[in-house]
């Protein structure tokens, strides 16, 4: 997959969860096709960014709806957590310091290289 397509797909997952522009079924479909490290990083970015946010209940609720839809998502998250790209990101960067676009571009670039 080209960087542009991978980047667009990742942004669609993140913005769908963050902004509620997709149903849990639509989000689940995209998440199930995505790289486990990417899924873990997106879910963690959202949880960290919305930890103290007024919209936390709605945004985190959308994450939970995707997770509850299929136990395979939990497995994917666990698999992604063990990926070297996640270790690299967490050693070099902070979830809270990156905006959505910058975060996705950085992660997708690393996953595609």
C-alpha atoms as a PDB file:
ATOM      1  CA  UNK A   1       0.000   0.000   0.000  1.00  0.00           C
ATOM      2  CA  UNK A   2       1.336   3.442  -0.836  1.00  0.00           C
ATOM      3  CA  UNK A   3       2.158   5.906   1.912  1.00  0.00           C
ATOM      4  CA  UNK A   4      -0.720   8.144   0.825  1.00  0.00           C
ATOM      5  CA  UNK A   5      -3.287   5.335   0.965  1.00  0.00           C
ATOM      6  CA  UNK A   6      -1.961   4.000   4.270  1.00  0.00           C
ATOM      7  CA  UNK A   7      -1.952   7.506   5.710  1.00  0.00           C
ATOM      8  CA  UNK A   8      -5.530   8.163   4.543  1.00  0.00           C
ATOM      9  CA  UNK A   9      -6.757   4.840   5.962  1.00  0.00           C
ATOM     10  CA  UNK A  10      -5.087   5.525   9.314  1.00  0.00           C
ATOM     11  CA  UNK A  11      -6.528   9.052   9.470  1.00  0.00           C
ATOM     12  CA  UNK A  12      -9.953   7.658   8.668  1.00  0.00           C
ATOM     13  CA  UNK A  13      -9.720   5.271  11.626  1.00  0.00           C
ATOM     14  CA  UNK A  14      -8.510   7.977  13.990  1.00  0.00           C
ATOM     15  CA  UNK A  15     -10.935  10.675  12.901  1.00  0.00           C
ATOM     16  CA  UNK A  16     -13.850   8.234  12.808  1.00  0.00           C
ATOM     17  CA  UNK A  17     -13.203   7.272  16.408  1.00  0.00           C
ATOM     18  CA  UNK A  18     -12.315  10.750  17.570  1.00  0.00           C
ATOM     19  CA  UNK A  19     -15.100  12.643  15.826  1.00  0.00           C
ATOM     20  CA  UNK A  20     -17.750   9.926  15.716  1.00  0.00           C
ATOM     21  CA  UNK A  21     -18.099  10.088  11.929  1.00  0.00           C
ATOM     22  CA  UNK A  22     -18.430   6.311  11.599  1.00  0.00           C
ATOM     23  CA  UNK A  23     -20.490   3.645  13.288  1.00  0.00           C
ATOM     24  CA  UNK A  24     -18.830   0.993  15.437  1.00  0.00           C
ATOM     25  CA  UNK A  25     -19.329  -1.468  12.568  1.00  0.00           C
ATOM     26  CA  UNK A  26     -17.575   0.816  10.077  1.00  0.00           C
ATOM     27  CA  UNK A  27     -14.738   1.512  12.507  1.00  0.00           C
ATOM     28  CA  UNK A  28     -14.415  -2.191  13.278  1.00  0.00           C
ATOM     29  CA  UNK A  29     -14.074  -3.016   9.586  1.00  0.00           C
ATOM     30  CA  UNK A  30     -11.191  -0.574   9.184  1.00  0.00           C
ATOM     31  CA  UNK A  31      -9.545  -1.649  12.439  1.00  0.00           C
ATOM     32  CA  UNK A  32      -9.736  -5.326  11.528  1.00  0.00           C
ATOM     33  CA  UNK A  33      -7.860  -4.628   8.271  1.00  0.00           C
ATOM     34  CA  UNK A  34      -5.198  -2.421   9.896  1.00  0.00           C
ATOM     35  CA  UNK A  35      -1.734  -3.266  11.166  1.00  0.00           C
ATOM     36  CA  UNK A  36      -1.829  -4.277  14.868  1.00  0.00           C
ATOM     37  CA  UNK A  37       0.847  -1.719  15.810  1.00  0.00           C
ATOM     38  CA  UNK A  38      -1.123   1.034  14.092  1.00  0.00           C
ATOM     39  CA  UNK A  39      -4.319   0.026  15.897  1.00  0.00           C
ATOM     40  CA  UNK A  40      -2.540  -0.052  19.257  1.00  0.00           C
ATOM     41  CA  UNK A  41      -0.916   3.341  18.641  1.00  0.00           C
ATOM     42  CA  UNK A  42      -4.171   4.980  17.498  1.00  0.00           C
ATOM     43  CA  UNK A  43      -6.164   3.619  20.423  1.00  0.00           C
ATOM     44  CA  UNK A  44      -3.458   4.654  22.881  1.00  0.00           C
ATOM     45  CA  UNK A  45      -3.128   8.121  21.310  1.00  0.00           C
ATOM     46  CA  UNK A  46      -6.868   8.643  21.712  1.00  0.00           C
ATOM     47  CA  UNK A  47      -6.907   7.379  25.313  1.00  0.00           C
ATOM     48  CA  UNK A  48      -3.976   9.594  26.286  1.00  0.00           C
ATOM     49  CA  UNK A  49      -5.217  12.680  24.441  1.00  0.00           C
ATOM     50  CA  UNK A  50      -8.704  12.379  25.915  1.00  0.00           C
ATOM     51  CA  UNK A  51      -7.775  11.355  29.461  1.00  0.00           C
ATOM     52  CA  UNK A  52      -8.801  14.739  30.894  1.00  0.00           C
ATOM     53  CA  UNK A  53     -10.915  16.036  28.021  1.00  0.00           C
ATOM     54  CA  UNK A  54     -14.587  17.064  28.372  1.00  0.00           C
ATOM     55  CA  UNK A  55     -15.504  14.752  25.460  1.00  0.00           C
ATOM     56  CA  UNK A  56     -13.661  11.762  26.920  1.00  0.00           C
ATOM     57  CA  UNK A  57     -16.803   9.722  27.618  1.00  0.00           C
ATOM     58  CA  UNK A  58     -18.013   9.911  24.025  1.00  0.00           C
ATOM     59  CA  UNK A  59     -14.634   9.313  22.396  1.00  0.00           C
ATOM     60  CA  UNK A  60     -13.532   6.503  24.707  1.00  0.00           C
ATOM     61  CA  UNK A  61     -17.031   5.046  24.413  1.00  0.00           C
ATOM     62  CA  UNK A  62     -16.490   4.701  20.663  1.00  0.00           C
ATOM     63  CA  UNK A  63     -13.216   2.865  21.313  1.00  0.00           C
ATOM     64  CA  UNK A  64     -14.979   0.487  23.676  1.00  0.00           C
ATOM     65  CA  UNK A  65     -17.766  -0.115  21.162  1.00  0.00           C
ATOM     66  CA  UNK A  66     -15.208  -1.271  18.592  1.00  0.00           C
ATOM     67  CA  UNK A  67     -13.403  -3.456  21.138  1.00  0.00           C
ATOM     68  CA  UNK A  68     -16.641  -5.002  22.402  1.00  0.00           C
ATOM     69  CA  UNK A  69     -17.800  -5.741  18.869  1.00  0.00           C
ATOM     70  CA  UNK A  70     -15.133  -8.416  18.364  1.00  0.00           C
ATOM     71  CA  UNK A  71     -12.687 -10.080  20.787  1.00  0.00           C
ATOM     72  CA  UNK A  72     -10.149 -10.191  17.959  1.00  0.00           C
ATOM     73  CA  UNK A  73      -9.653  -6.442  18.392  1.00  0.00           C
ATOM     74  CA  UNK A  74      -8.339  -7.051  21.924  1.00  0.00           C
ATOM     75  CA  UNK A  75      -5.966  -9.663  20.513  1.00  0.00           C
ATOM     76  CA  UNK A  76      -4.855  -7.202  17.838  1.00  0.00           C
ATOM     77  CA  UNK A  77      -4.177  -4.565  20.498  1.00  0.00           C
ATOM     78  CA  UNK A  78      -2.062  -7.003  22.514  1.00  0.00           C
ATOM     79  CA  UNK A  79      -0.155  -8.036  19.405  1.00  0.00           C
ATOM     80  CA  UNK A  80       0.391  -4.412  18.428  1.00  0.00           C
ATOM     81  CA  UNK A  81       1.658  -3.497  21.887  1.00  0.00           C
ATOM     82  CA  UNK A  82       4.569  -5.920  21.395  1.00  0.00           C
ATOM     83  CA  UNK A  83       5.602  -4.455  18.027  1.00  0.00           C
ATOM     84  CA  UNK A  84       9.042  -2.775  17.849  1.00  0.00           C
ATOM     85  CA  UNK A  85       7.451   0.290  16.212  1.00  0.00           C
ATOM     86  CA  UNK A  86       5.406   0.855  19.374  1.00  0.00           C
ATOM     87  CA  UNK A  87       8.551   0.606  21.514  1.00  0.00           C
ATOM     88  CA  UNK A  88      10.311   3.063  19.185  1.00  0.00           C
ATOM     89  CA  UNK A  89       7.414   5.520  19.323  1.00  0.00           C
ATOM     90  CA  UNK A  90       7.054   5.383  23.085  1.00  0.00           C
ATOM     91  CA  UNK A  91      10.804   5.867  23.611  1.00  0.00           C
ATOM     92  CA  UNK A  92      11.117   8.751  21.147  1.00  0.00           C
ATOM     93  CA  UNK A  93       7.775  10.568  21.326  1.00  0.00           C
ATOM     94  CA  UNK A  94       4.891  11.515  23.563  1.00  0.00           C
ATOM     95  CA  UNK A  95       1.298  10.787  22.570  1.00  0.00           C
ATOM     96  CA  UNK A  96       0.133  14.104  23.986  1.00  0.00           C
ATOM     97  CA  UNK A  97       2.702  16.183  22.091  1.00  0.00           C
ATOM     98  CA  UNK A  98       1.524  15.248  18.601  1.00  0.00           C
ATOM     99  CA  UNK A  99      -1.595  16.375  16.811  1.00  0.00           C
ATOM    100  CA  UNK A 100      -3.604  13.817  14.867  1.00  0.00           C
ATOM    101  CA  UNK A 101      -2.158  14.512  11.424  1.00  0.00           C
ATOM    102  CA  UNK A 102       1.443  14.716  12.619  1.00  0.00           C
ATOM    103  CA  UNK A 103       0.999  11.555  14.701  1.00  0.00           C
ATOM    104  CA  UNK A 104      -0.468   9.526  11.839  1.00  0.00           C
ATOM    105  CA  UNK A 105       2.141  10.697   9.326  1.00  0.00           C
ATOM    106  CA  UNK A 106       4.960   9.816  11.702  1.00  0.00           C
ATOM    107  CA  UNK A 107       3.599   6.371  12.562  1.00  0.00           C
ATOM    108  CA  UNK A 108       2.605   5.412   9.021  1.00  0.00           C
ATOM    109  CA  UNK A 109       5.992   6.524   7.699  1.00  0.00           C
ATOM    110  CA  UNK A 110       7.732   4.319  10.267  1.00  0.00           C
ATOM    111  CA  UNK A 111       5.453   1.345   9.568  1.00  0.00           C
ATOM    112  CA  UNK A 112       5.894   1.693   5.812  1.00  0.00           C
ATOM    113  CA  UNK A 113       9.706   1.906   5.999  1.00  0.00           C
END
